[in-house]
């Protein structure tokens, strides 16, 4: 049997046994029908399905997103699914004013918050130099020398700033605004961030995206240790490719085909169910699919060149 498969299997089994006890403690302290959950970025995709999953359990929800029409539609669906109470807050995760609205309404209308799910995100899909509008021409002497040519005056700065603002800075700011309220008002507060396998393993055409997600892991891995004394759990959920509109709304979408295979893409519903389970069990870091995730992480440690080769194949990068 493949050693990586054995190690992965043992890691999964150990994680399951360890988190089973945590699951019992969290649900005892915060019963599903009394849980107060804020979902940041829930108008579509993973966030929307997570809201519906919590609604079916009878949770009280705070729905936060930019698109009001989609929020209002989701609000009604959550009520129909069985949510105890639903608050709708329109806004931008990058706005401190809008985040303060969540804090105020959650305190006044729900008495506080138990769980936060940060689902807001943005992706980039072009090679870095292409996004910078830089091309390379091989030297005429046929040696491995290249000349860099800037094809346009624009650069990747705006795309990089936008993706980092949403994926990283806004997640940090939301934590600053909302986590103190959760510590004050919940017996066992959970802060869950939806990251990506790109936060663990980089890939061609995803440099800016992977950079923002690696930053997310660095911050929240550090924060987890700092806030443990307050009873806070910080969890990171890392899905592979999910069947959502995220790729089509990339900050550097441009024209042409997006690199990267979508074979075996995950459904938003399956990811949402795993997110809720991960919160209940207070799991530190979750990979979806689990075997693929553990295999990728372990392979990066023991056979990094193999990971690079697989990434090139998936994203069709020479």
C-alpha atoms as a PDB file:
ATOM      1  CA  UNK A   1       0.000   0.000   0.000  1.00  0.00           C
ATOM      2  CA  UNK A   2       1.173   3.530  -0.822  1.00  0.00           C
ATOM      3  CA  UNK A   3       2.830   5.120   2.277  1.00  0.00           C
ATOM      4  CA  UNK A   4       1.108   8.447   1.580  1.00  0.00           C
ATOM      5  CA  UNK A   5      -2.274   6.674   1.555  1.00  0.00           C
ATOM      6  CA  UNK A   6      -1.507   4.995   4.895  1.00  0.00           C
ATOM      7  CA  UNK A   7      -0.380   8.229   6.535  1.00  0.00           C
ATOM      8  CA  UNK A   8      -3.405  10.066   5.142  1.00  0.00           C
ATOM      9  CA  UNK A   9      -5.776   7.404   6.429  1.00  0.00           C
ATOM     10  CA  UNK A  10      -4.264   7.519   9.921  1.00  0.00           C
ATOM     11  CA  UNK A  11      -4.446  11.321   9.943  1.00  0.00           C
ATOM     12  CA  UNK A  12      -8.118  11.260   8.952  1.00  0.00           C
ATOM     13  CA  UNK A  13      -8.956   8.627  11.592  1.00  0.00           C
ATOM     14  CA  UNK A  14      -7.105  10.528  14.303  1.00  0.00           C
ATOM     15  CA  UNK A  15      -8.835  13.765  13.357  1.00  0.00           C
ATOM     16  CA  UNK A  16     -12.233  12.082  13.446  1.00  0.00           C
ATOM     17  CA  UNK A  17     -11.722  10.556  16.891  1.00  0.00           C
ATOM     18  CA  UNK A  18     -10.341  13.801  18.291  1.00  0.00           C
ATOM     19  CA  UNK A  19     -13.109  15.997  16.928  1.00  0.00           C
ATOM     20  CA  UNK A  20     -15.940  13.647  17.916  1.00  0.00           C
ATOM     21  CA  UNK A  21     -15.538  14.742  21.553  1.00  0.00           C
ATOM     22  CA  UNK A  22     -15.418  18.406  20.555  1.00  0.00           C
ATOM     23  CA  UNK A  23     -18.638  17.936  18.612  1.00  0.00           C
ATOM     24  CA  UNK A  24     -20.477  16.811  21.725  1.00  0.00           C
ATOM     25  CA  UNK A  25     -19.235  19.774  23.790  1.00  0.00           C
ATOM     26  CA  UNK A  26     -20.118  22.440  21.221  1.00  0.00           C
ATOM     27  CA  UNK A  27     -23.639  21.207  20.508  1.00  0.00           C
ATOM     28  CA  UNK A  28     -24.295  20.874  24.240  1.00  0.00           C
ATOM     29  CA  UNK A  29     -23.219  24.477  24.853  1.00  0.00           C
ATOM     30  CA  UNK A  30     -24.765  25.884  21.654  1.00  0.00           C
ATOM     31  CA  UNK A  31     -27.755  23.759  20.566  1.00  0.00           C
ATOM     32  CA  UNK A  32     -28.507  23.895  16.842  1.00  0.00           C
ATOM     33  CA  UNK A  33     -31.893  25.603  17.263  1.00  0.00           C
ATOM     34  CA  UNK A  34     -30.432  28.276  19.529  1.00  0.00           C
ATOM     35  CA  UNK A  35     -27.332  29.005  17.445  1.00  0.00           C
ATOM     36  CA  UNK A  36     -26.911  32.568  16.193  1.00  0.00           C
ATOM     37  CA  UNK A  37     -24.965  32.557  12.931  1.00  0.00           C
ATOM     38  CA  UNK A  38     -23.667  35.385  10.764  1.00  0.00           C
ATOM     39  CA  UNK A  39     -22.696  34.509   7.192  1.00  0.00           C
ATOM     40  CA  UNK A  40     -20.577  37.083   5.412  1.00  0.00           C
ATOM     41  CA  UNK A  41     -20.887  36.777   1.635  1.00  0.00           C
ATOM     42  CA  UNK A  42     -24.010  34.658   1.138  1.00  0.00           C
ATOM     43  CA  UNK A  43     -25.888  35.901  -1.921  1.00  0.00           C
ATOM     44  CA  UNK A  44     -24.777  32.886  -3.977  1.00  0.00           C
ATOM     45  CA  UNK A  45     -22.577  29.794  -4.049  1.00  0.00           C
ATOM     46  CA  UNK A  46     -21.149  28.309  -0.865  1.00  0.00           C
ATOM     47  CA  UNK A  47     -22.397  31.123   1.361  1.00  0.00           C
ATOM     48  CA  UNK A  48     -25.971  30.775   0.160  1.00  0.00           C
ATOM     49  CA  UNK A  49     -26.028  27.002   0.654  1.00  0.00           C
ATOM     50  CA  UNK A  50     -24.459  27.370   4.108  1.00  0.00           C
ATOM     51  CA  UNK A  51     -27.250  29.757   5.091  1.00  0.00           C
ATOM     52  CA  UNK A  52     -29.889  27.284   3.908  1.00  0.00           C
ATOM     53  CA  UNK A  53     -28.191  24.432   5.782  1.00  0.00           C
ATOM     54  CA  UNK A  54     -28.208  26.391   9.030  1.00  0.00           C
ATOM     55  CA  UNK A  55     -31.808  27.475   8.392  1.00  0.00           C
ATOM     56  CA  UNK A  56     -32.911  23.841   8.147  1.00  0.00           C
ATOM     57  CA  UNK A  57     -31.468  23.314  11.646  1.00  0.00           C
ATOM     58  CA  UNK A  58     -33.542  26.166  13.042  1.00  0.00           C
ATOM     59  CA  UNK A  59     -30.679  28.609  13.643  1.00  0.00           C
ATOM     60  CA  UNK A  60     -31.094  32.379  13.841  1.00  0.00           C
ATOM     61  CA  UNK A  61     -29.273  33.961  10.910  1.00  0.00           C
ATOM     62  CA  UNK A  62     -27.648  37.234   9.972  1.00  0.00           C
ATOM     63  CA  UNK A  63     -27.251  37.348   6.186  1.00  0.00           C
ATOM     64  CA  UNK A  64     -24.692  39.820   4.842  1.00  0.00           C
ATOM     65  CA  UNK A  65     -23.890  40.513   1.183  1.00  0.00           C
ATOM     66  CA  UNK A  66     -23.834  43.263  -1.444  1.00  0.00           C
ATOM     67  CA  UNK A  67     -26.780  42.239  -3.639  1.00  0.00           C
ATOM     68  CA  UNK A  68     -30.034  43.141  -1.883  1.00  0.00           C
ATOM     69  CA  UNK A  69     -32.413  41.366  -4.271  1.00  0.00           C
ATOM     70  CA  UNK A  70     -30.580  38.083  -3.782  1.00  0.00           C
ATOM     71  CA  UNK A  71     -30.448  38.631  -0.018  1.00  0.00           C
ATOM     72  CA  UNK A  72     -34.207  39.148   0.152  1.00  0.00           C
ATOM     73  CA  UNK A  73     -34.797  35.985  -1.869  1.00  0.00           C
ATOM     74  CA  UNK A  74     -32.470  34.040   0.419  1.00  0.00           C
ATOM     75  CA  UNK A  75     -34.173  35.501   3.486  1.00  0.00           C
ATOM     76  CA  UNK A  76     -37.514  34.018   2.421  1.00  0.00           C
ATOM     77  CA  UNK A  77     -35.953  30.656   1.569  1.00  0.00           C
ATOM     78  CA  UNK A  78     -34.294  30.503   4.991  1.00  0.00           C
ATOM     79  CA  UNK A  79     -37.606  31.228   6.708  1.00  0.00           C
ATOM     80  CA  UNK A  80     -39.283  28.539   4.630  1.00  0.00           C
ATOM     81  CA  UNK A  81     -36.533  26.064   5.608  1.00  0.00           C
ATOM     82  CA  UNK A  82     -37.183  26.657   9.316  1.00  0.00           C
ATOM     83  CA  UNK A  83     -34.836  29.417  10.504  1.00  0.00           C
ATOM     84  CA  UNK A  84     -35.888  30.783  13.897  1.00  0.00           C
ATOM     85  CA  UNK A  85     -35.087  34.356  12.861  1.00  0.00           C
ATOM     86  CA  UNK A  86     -33.448  35.991   9.837  1.00  0.00           C
ATOM     87  CA  UNK A  87     -31.795  39.411   9.736  1.00  0.00           C
ATOM     88  CA  UNK A  88     -30.688  40.880   6.414  1.00  0.00           C
ATOM     89  CA  UNK A  89     -27.851  43.400   6.285  1.00  0.00           C
ATOM     90  CA  UNK A  90     -26.751  44.769   2.919  1.00  0.00           C
ATOM     91  CA  UNK A  91     -23.170  45.929   2.649  1.00  0.00           C
ATOM     92  CA  UNK A  92     -19.584  45.374   1.614  1.00  0.00           C
ATOM     93  CA  UNK A  93     -17.149  43.272   3.660  1.00  0.00           C
ATOM     94  CA  UNK A  94     -14.546  45.951   3.030  1.00  0.00           C
ATOM     95  CA  UNK A  95     -16.618  48.636   4.786  1.00  0.00           C
ATOM     96  CA  UNK A  96     -16.107  49.127   8.514  1.00  0.00           C
ATOM     97  CA  UNK A  97     -19.417  51.015   8.657  1.00  0.00           C
ATOM     98  CA  UNK A  98     -21.294  48.045   7.198  1.00  0.00           C
ATOM     99  CA  UNK A  99     -19.574  45.599   9.544  1.00  0.00           C
ATOM    100  CA  UNK A 100     -20.585  47.771  12.491  1.00  0.00           C
ATOM    101  CA  UNK A 101     -24.202  47.480  11.295  1.00  0.00           C
ATOM    102  CA  UNK A 102     -23.940  43.713  11.652  1.00  0.00           C
ATOM    103  CA  UNK A 103     -22.563  44.086  15.162  1.00  0.00           C
ATOM    104  CA  UNK A 104     -25.275  46.516  16.251  1.00  0.00           C
ATOM    105  CA  UNK A 105     -28.211  44.578  14.842  1.00  0.00           C
ATOM    106  CA  UNK A 106     -26.897  41.223  16.080  1.00  0.00           C
ATOM    107  CA  UNK A 107     -26.562  42.577  19.604  1.00  0.00           C
ATOM    108  CA  UNK A 108     -29.923  44.361  19.607  1.00  0.00           C
ATOM    109  CA  UNK A 109     -32.063  41.742  17.833  1.00  0.00           C
ATOM    110  CA  UNK A 110     -30.368  38.440  18.666  1.00  0.00           C
ATOM    111  CA  UNK A 111     -28.521  39.238  21.861  1.00  0.00           C
ATOM    112  CA  UNK A 112     -25.186  38.402  20.233  1.00  0.00           C
ATOM    113  CA  UNK A 113     -23.555  35.822  17.958  1.00  0.00           C
ATOM    114  CA  UNK A 114     -22.246  32.273  18.377  1.00  0.00           C
ATOM    115  CA  UNK A 115     -20.842  31.507  14.938  1.00  0.00           C
ATOM    116  CA  UNK A 116     -19.357  33.527  12.075  1.00  0.00           C
ATOM    117  CA  UNK A 117     -18.791  32.039   8.615  1.00  0.00           C
ATOM    118  CA  UNK A 118     -16.608  34.207   6.362  1.00  0.00           C
ATOM    119  CA  UNK A 119     -17.514  33.176   2.804  1.00  0.00           C
ATOM    120  CA  UNK A 120     -16.702  36.361   0.890  1.00  0.00           C
ATOM    121  CA  UNK A 121     -14.006  35.833  -1.703  1.00  0.00           C
ATOM    122  CA  UNK A 122     -12.509  36.853  -5.024  1.00  0.00           C
ATOM    123  CA  UNK A 123     -10.302  34.906  -7.417  1.00  0.00           C
ATOM    124  CA  UNK A 124      -7.698  35.687 -10.071  1.00  0.00           C
ATOM    125  CA  UNK A 125      -7.174  33.387 -13.050  1.00  0.00           C
ATOM    126  CA  UNK A 126      -4.339  34.743 -15.188  1.00  0.00           C
ATOM    127  CA  UNK A 127      -0.575  34.133 -15.019  1.00  0.00           C
ATOM    128  CA  UNK A 128       1.094  36.900 -13.022  1.00  0.00           C
ATOM    129  CA  UNK A 129       3.126  38.437 -15.848  1.00  0.00           C
ATOM    130  CA  UNK A 130       0.122  38.282 -18.163  1.00  0.00           C
ATOM    131  CA  UNK A 131      -1.912  40.166 -15.551  1.00  0.00           C
ATOM    132  CA  UNK A 132       0.930  42.700 -15.439  1.00  0.00           C
ATOM    133  CA  UNK A 133       0.738  42.994 -19.256  1.00  0.00           C
ATOM    134  CA  UNK A 134       4.360  41.860 -19.626  1.00  0.00           C
ATOM    135  CA  UNK A 135       5.433  39.591 -22.445  1.00  0.00           C
ATOM    136  CA  UNK A 136       8.796  37.924 -23.048  1.00  0.00           C
ATOM    137  CA  UNK A 137      10.559  37.480 -26.352  1.00  0.00           C
ATOM    138  CA  UNK A 138      13.389  35.009 -26.727  1.00  0.00           C
ATOM    139  CA  UNK A 139      16.718  36.462 -27.761  1.00  0.00           C
ATOM    140  CA  UNK A 140      17.798  36.059 -31.354  1.00  0.00           C
ATOM    141  CA  UNK A 141      20.944  34.195 -30.331  1.00  0.00           C
ATOM    142  CA  UNK A 142      18.734  31.237 -29.412  1.00  0.00           C
ATOM    143  CA  UNK A 143      20.122  31.125 -25.894  1.00  0.00           C
ATOM    144  CA  UNK A 144      17.879  31.048 -22.848  1.00  0.00           C
ATOM    145  CA  UNK A 145      17.758  34.837 -22.599  1.00  0.00           C
ATOM    146  CA  UNK A 146      14.545  36.795 -22.831  1.00  0.00           C
ATOM    147  CA  UNK A 147      13.586  40.413 -23.303  1.00  0.00           C
ATOM    148  CA  UNK A 148      10.671  41.772 -21.264  1.00  0.00           C
ATOM    149  CA  UNK A 149       8.136  43.916 -23.131  1.00  0.00           C
ATOM    150  CA  UNK A 150       5.335  45.811 -21.388  1.00  0.00           C
ATOM    151  CA  UNK A 151       2.416  45.612 -23.798  1.00  0.00           C
ATOM    152  CA  UNK A 152       0.288  48.187 -21.966  1.00  0.00           C
ATOM    153  CA  UNK A 153       0.810  50.935 -19.416  1.00  0.00           C
ATOM    154  CA  UNK A 154      -1.502  49.280 -16.892  1.00  0.00           C
ATOM    155  CA  UNK A 155      -0.382  46.760 -14.298  1.00  0.00           C
ATOM    156  CA  UNK A 156      -1.811  44.100 -12.019  1.00  0.00           C
ATOM    157  CA  UNK A 157      -1.928  46.445  -9.021  1.00  0.00           C
ATOM    158  CA  UNK A 158      -5.687  47.061  -9.014  1.00  0.00           C
ATOM    159  CA  UNK A 159      -6.491  43.361  -9.399  1.00  0.00           C
ATOM    160  CA  UNK A 160      -3.994  42.441  -6.673  1.00  0.00           C
ATOM    161  CA  UNK A 161      -5.369  45.099  -4.333  1.00  0.00           C
ATOM    162  CA  UNK A 162      -8.970  44.012  -4.861  1.00  0.00           C
ATOM    163  CA  UNK A 163      -8.338  40.315  -4.343  1.00  0.00           C
ATOM    164  CA  UNK A 164      -6.198  40.931  -1.246  1.00  0.00           C
ATOM    165  CA  UNK A 165      -8.695  43.402   0.194  1.00  0.00           C
ATOM    166  CA  UNK A 166     -11.588  40.944  -0.026  1.00  0.00           C
ATOM    167  CA  UNK A 167      -9.841  37.670   0.757  1.00  0.00           C
ATOM    168  CA  UNK A 168      -7.502  38.921   3.473  1.00  0.00           C
ATOM    169  CA  UNK A 169      -7.897  42.468   4.778  1.00  0.00           C
ATOM    170  CA  UNK A 170     -11.703  42.315   4.971  1.00  0.00           C
ATOM    171  CA  UNK A 171     -11.547  38.969   6.795  1.00  0.00           C
ATOM    172  CA  UNK A 172      -9.182  40.503   9.350  1.00  0.00           C
ATOM    173  CA  UNK A 173     -11.351  43.608   9.760  1.00  0.00           C
ATOM    174  CA  UNK A 174     -14.508  41.520  10.175  1.00  0.00           C
ATOM    175  CA  UNK A 175     -12.705  39.621  12.918  1.00  0.00           C
ATOM    176  CA  UNK A 176     -11.739  42.851  14.675  1.00  0.00           C
ATOM    177  CA  UNK A 177     -15.315  44.140  14.613  1.00  0.00           C
ATOM    178  CA  UNK A 178     -17.356  41.001  15.312  1.00  0.00           C
ATOM    179  CA  UNK A 179     -15.237  38.618  17.370  1.00  0.00           C
ATOM    180  CA  UNK A 180     -15.299  40.751  20.562  1.00  0.00           C
ATOM    181  CA  UNK A 181     -19.126  40.639  20.455  1.00  0.00           C
ATOM    182  CA  UNK A 182     -19.019  36.867  20.100  1.00  0.00           C
ATOM    183  CA  UNK A 183     -16.644  36.514  23.047  1.00  0.00           C
ATOM    184  CA  UNK A 184     -18.991  38.632  25.158  1.00  0.00           C
ATOM    185  CA  UNK A 185     -22.219  36.854  24.202  1.00  0.00           C
ATOM    186  CA  UNK A 186     -21.458  33.189  23.382  1.00  0.00           C
ATOM    187  CA  UNK A 187     -20.462  30.248  25.552  1.00  0.00           C
ATOM    188  CA  UNK A 188     -18.338  28.748  22.741  1.00  0.00           C
ATOM    189  CA  UNK A 189     -17.767  31.184  19.857  1.00  0.00           C
ATOM    190  CA  UNK A 190     -16.700  29.777  16.479  1.00  0.00           C
ATOM    191  CA  UNK A 191     -14.957  31.825  13.767  1.00  0.00           C
ATOM    192  CA  UNK A 192     -14.877  29.880  10.486  1.00  0.00           C
ATOM    193  CA  UNK A 193     -13.103  31.130   7.363  1.00  0.00           C
ATOM    194  CA  UNK A 194     -13.668  29.589   3.949  1.00  0.00           C
ATOM    195  CA  UNK A 195     -10.235  29.406   2.393  1.00  0.00           C
ATOM    196  CA  UNK A 196      -9.115  27.140  -0.458  1.00  0.00           C
ATOM    197  CA  UNK A 197      -6.633  24.400  -1.253  1.00  0.00           C
ATOM    198  CA  UNK A 198      -4.765  27.314  -2.885  1.00  0.00           C
ATOM    199  CA  UNK A 199      -4.066  28.451   0.653  1.00  0.00           C
ATOM    200  CA  UNK A 200      -1.974  25.307   1.145  1.00  0.00           C
ATOM    201  CA  UNK A 201      -0.572  24.531  -2.310  1.00  0.00           C
ATOM    202  CA  UNK A 202       0.153  27.127  -4.986  1.00  0.00           C
ATOM    203  CA  UNK A 203      -0.652  26.715  -8.690  1.00  0.00           C
ATOM    204  CA  UNK A 204       0.145  28.457 -11.972  1.00  0.00           C
ATOM    205  CA  UNK A 205      -2.357  31.169 -13.044  1.00  0.00           C
ATOM    206  CA  UNK A 206      -3.418  31.484  -9.398  1.00  0.00           C
ATOM    207  CA  UNK A 207      -0.416  33.336  -7.903  1.00  0.00           C
ATOM    208  CA  UNK A 208      -2.308  36.394  -6.629  1.00  0.00           C
ATOM    209  CA  UNK A 209      -5.206  34.278  -5.361  1.00  0.00           C
ATOM    210  CA  UNK A 210      -2.930  31.761  -3.647  1.00  0.00           C
ATOM    211  CA  UNK A 211      -0.936  34.611  -2.098  1.00  0.00           C
ATOM    212  CA  UNK A 212      -4.050  36.095  -0.513  1.00  0.00           C
ATOM    213  CA  UNK A 213      -5.159  32.700   0.811  1.00  0.00           C
ATOM    214  CA  UNK A 214      -1.708  31.893   2.223  1.00  0.00           C
ATOM    215  CA  UNK A 215      -1.949  35.211   4.089  1.00  0.00           C
ATOM    216  CA  UNK A 216      -5.332  34.126   5.466  1.00  0.00           C
ATOM    217  CA  UNK A 217      -3.797  30.932   6.858  1.00  0.00           C
ATOM    218  CA  UNK A 218      -0.883  32.783   8.417  1.00  0.00           C
ATOM    219  CA  UNK A 219      -3.146  35.258  10.190  1.00  0.00           C
ATOM    220  CA  UNK A 220      -5.814  32.873  11.441  1.00  0.00           C
ATOM    221  CA  UNK A 221      -3.356  30.153  12.482  1.00  0.00           C
ATOM    222  CA  UNK A 222      -1.701  32.789  14.670  1.00  0.00           C
ATOM    223  CA  UNK A 223      -4.982  34.260  15.917  1.00  0.00           C
ATOM    224  CA  UNK A 224      -6.229  30.796  16.915  1.00  0.00           C
ATOM    225  CA  UNK A 225      -3.520  30.502  19.549  1.00  0.00           C
ATOM    226  CA  UNK A 226      -4.100  34.040  20.846  1.00  0.00           C
ATOM    227  CA  UNK A 227      -7.868  33.729  21.377  1.00  0.00           C
ATOM    228  CA  UNK A 228      -8.049  30.156  22.639  1.00  0.00           C
ATOM    229  CA  UNK A 229      -8.031  31.468  26.232  1.00  0.00           C
ATOM    230  CA  UNK A 230     -11.388  33.155  25.533  1.00  0.00           C
ATOM    231  CA  UNK A 231     -12.974  29.884  24.427  1.00  0.00           C
ATOM    232  CA  UNK A 232     -12.845  30.877  20.751  1.00  0.00           C
ATOM    233  CA  UNK A 233     -12.430  28.276  18.029  1.00  0.00           C
ATOM    234  CA  UNK A 234     -10.884  29.356  14.715  1.00  0.00           C
ATOM    235  CA  UNK A 235     -11.393  26.996  11.794  1.00  0.00           C
ATOM    236  CA  UNK A 236     -10.258  27.070   8.163  1.00  0.00           C
ATOM    237  CA  UNK A 237     -12.138  25.191   5.443  1.00  0.00           C
ATOM    238  CA  UNK A 238     -10.212  24.460   2.229  1.00  0.00           C
ATOM    239  CA  UNK A 239     -12.304  23.204  -0.694  1.00  0.00           C
ATOM    240  CA  UNK A 240     -10.966  22.229  -4.083  1.00  0.00           C
ATOM    241  CA  UNK A 241     -12.749  23.476  -7.214  1.00  0.00           C
ATOM    242  CA  UNK A 242     -16.416  24.250  -6.458  1.00  0.00           C
ATOM    243  CA  UNK A 243     -19.257  24.625  -8.955  1.00  0.00           C
ATOM    244  CA  UNK A 244     -19.938  28.337  -8.402  1.00  0.00           C
ATOM    245  CA  UNK A 245     -19.768  31.574 -10.403  1.00  0.00           C
ATOM    246  CA  UNK A 246     -16.515  32.606  -8.681  1.00  0.00           C
ATOM    247  CA  UNK A 247     -14.265  31.835 -11.658  1.00  0.00           C
ATOM    248  CA  UNK A 248     -16.470  33.823 -14.043  1.00  0.00           C
ATOM    249  CA  UNK A 249     -16.268  36.891 -11.759  1.00  0.00           C
ATOM    250  CA  UNK A 250     -12.474  36.848 -11.427  1.00  0.00           C
ATOM    251  CA  UNK A 251     -10.793  40.223 -10.880  1.00  0.00           C
ATOM    252  CA  UNK A 252      -8.654  39.679 -13.987  1.00  0.00           C
ATOM    253  CA  UNK A 253     -11.151  37.651 -16.036  1.00  0.00           C
ATOM    254  CA  UNK A 254     -10.567  39.386 -19.356  1.00  0.00           C
ATOM    255  CA  UNK A 255     -11.421  37.389 -22.468  1.00  0.00           C
ATOM    256  CA  UNK A 256     -10.553  33.876 -23.467  1.00  0.00           C
ATOM    257  CA  UNK A 257     -10.656  30.534 -21.709  1.00  0.00           C
ATOM    258  CA  UNK A 258      -9.824  30.249 -18.012  1.00  0.00           C
ATOM    259  CA  UNK A 259      -6.968  27.858 -17.289  1.00  0.00           C
ATOM    260  CA  UNK A 260      -7.622  25.011 -14.896  1.00  0.00           C
ATOM    261  CA  UNK A 261      -9.603  21.804 -15.008  1.00  0.00           C
ATOM    262  CA  UNK A 262     -13.084  21.741 -13.463  1.00  0.00           C
ATOM    263  CA  UNK A 263     -13.262  17.946 -13.556  1.00  0.00           C
ATOM    264  CA  UNK A 264     -14.744  16.550 -10.363  1.00  0.00           C
ATOM    265  CA  UNK A 265     -15.818  19.961  -9.097  1.00  0.00           C
ATOM    266  CA  UNK A 266     -17.664  20.006  -5.793  1.00  0.00           C
ATOM    267  CA  UNK A 267     -21.280  21.038  -5.334  1.00  0.00           C
ATOM    268  CA  UNK A 268     -21.912  24.084  -3.091  1.00  0.00           C
ATOM    269  CA  UNK A 269     -24.382  21.983  -1.089  1.00  0.00           C
ATOM    270  CA  UNK A 270     -21.799  19.320  -0.215  1.00  0.00           C
ATOM    271  CA  UNK A 271     -19.282  21.972   0.817  1.00  0.00           C
ATOM    272  CA  UNK A 272     -21.889  23.766   2.933  1.00  0.00           C
ATOM    273  CA  UNK A 273     -22.756  20.559   4.793  1.00  0.00           C
ATOM    274  CA  UNK A 274     -19.075  19.990   5.530  1.00  0.00           C
ATOM    275  CA  UNK A 275     -18.679  23.582   6.766  1.00  0.00           C
ATOM    276  CA  UNK A 276     -21.500  23.169   9.273  1.00  0.00           C
ATOM    277  CA  UNK A 277     -20.094  19.834  10.461  1.00  0.00           C
ATOM    278  CA  UNK A 278     -16.620  21.362  10.807  1.00  0.00           C
ATOM    279  CA  UNK A 279     -18.030  24.147  12.964  1.00  0.00           C
ATOM    280  CA  UNK A 280     -19.972  21.716  15.162  1.00  0.00           C
ATOM    281  CA  UNK A 281     -16.837  19.620  15.675  1.00  0.00           C
ATOM    282  CA  UNK A 282     -14.601  22.683  16.057  1.00  0.00           C
ATOM    283  CA  UNK A 283     -12.160  21.301  13.505  1.00  0.00           C
ATOM    284  CA  UNK A 284      -8.981  23.266  13.007  1.00  0.00           C
ATOM    285  CA  UNK A 285      -8.466  22.767   9.258  1.00  0.00           C
ATOM    286  CA  UNK A 286     -10.677  20.894   6.809  1.00  0.00           C
ATOM    287  CA  UNK A 287      -9.825  19.724   3.286  1.00  0.00           C
ATOM    288  CA  UNK A 288     -12.538  18.947   0.735  1.00  0.00           C
ATOM    289  CA  UNK A 289     -12.274  16.295  -0.667  1.00  0.00           C
ATOM    290  CA  UNK A 290     -10.464  15.031   2.392  1.00  0.00           C
ATOM    291  CA  UNK A 291      -8.151  12.458   0.782  1.00  0.00           C
ATOM    292  CA  UNK A 292      -7.133  14.835  -2.002  1.00  0.00           C
ATOM    293  CA  UNK A 293      -6.392  17.560   0.532  1.00  0.00           C
ATOM    294  CA  UNK A 294      -4.242  15.470   2.843  1.00  0.00           C
ATOM    295  CA  UNK A 295      -2.446  13.895  -0.108  1.00  0.00           C
ATOM    296  CA  UNK A 296      -1.643  17.342  -1.552  1.00  0.00           C
ATOM    297  CA  UNK A 297      -0.355  18.696   1.758  1.00  0.00           C
ATOM    298  CA  UNK A 298       1.791  15.649   2.506  1.00  0.00           C
ATOM    299  CA  UNK A 299       3.077  15.483  -1.061  1.00  0.00           C
ATOM    300  CA  UNK A 300       4.128  19.106  -0.835  1.00  0.00           C
ATOM    301  CA  UNK A 301       6.279  18.215   2.177  1.00  0.00           C
ATOM    302  CA  UNK A 302       7.863  15.033   0.837  1.00  0.00           C
ATOM    303  CA  UNK A 303       7.651  15.382  -2.953  1.00  0.00           C
ATOM    304  CA  UNK A 304       7.184  19.051  -3.831  1.00  0.00           C
ATOM    305  CA  UNK A 305       8.309  18.595  -7.441  1.00  0.00           C
ATOM    306  CA  UNK A 306       5.502  16.067  -7.937  1.00  0.00           C
ATOM    307  CA  UNK A 307       3.003  18.677  -6.712  1.00  0.00           C
ATOM    308  CA  UNK A 308       4.414  21.230  -9.176  1.00  0.00           C
ATOM    309  CA  UNK A 309       4.074  18.704 -11.990  1.00  0.00           C
ATOM    310  CA  UNK A 310       0.448  17.947 -11.077  1.00  0.00           C
ATOM    311  CA  UNK A 311      -0.352  21.666 -10.852  1.00  0.00           C
ATOM    312  CA  UNK A 312       1.101  22.275 -14.317  1.00  0.00           C
ATOM    313  CA  UNK A 313      -1.082  19.529 -15.728  1.00  0.00           C
ATOM    314  CA  UNK A 314      -4.250  20.778 -14.042  1.00  0.00           C
ATOM    315  CA  UNK A 315      -3.717  24.372 -15.118  1.00  0.00           C
ATOM    316  CA  UNK A 316      -2.187  23.601 -18.513  1.00  0.00           C
ATOM    317  CA  UNK A 317       0.924  25.681 -17.783  1.00  0.00           C
ATOM    318  CA  UNK A 318       4.205  24.931 -19.500  1.00  0.00           C
END
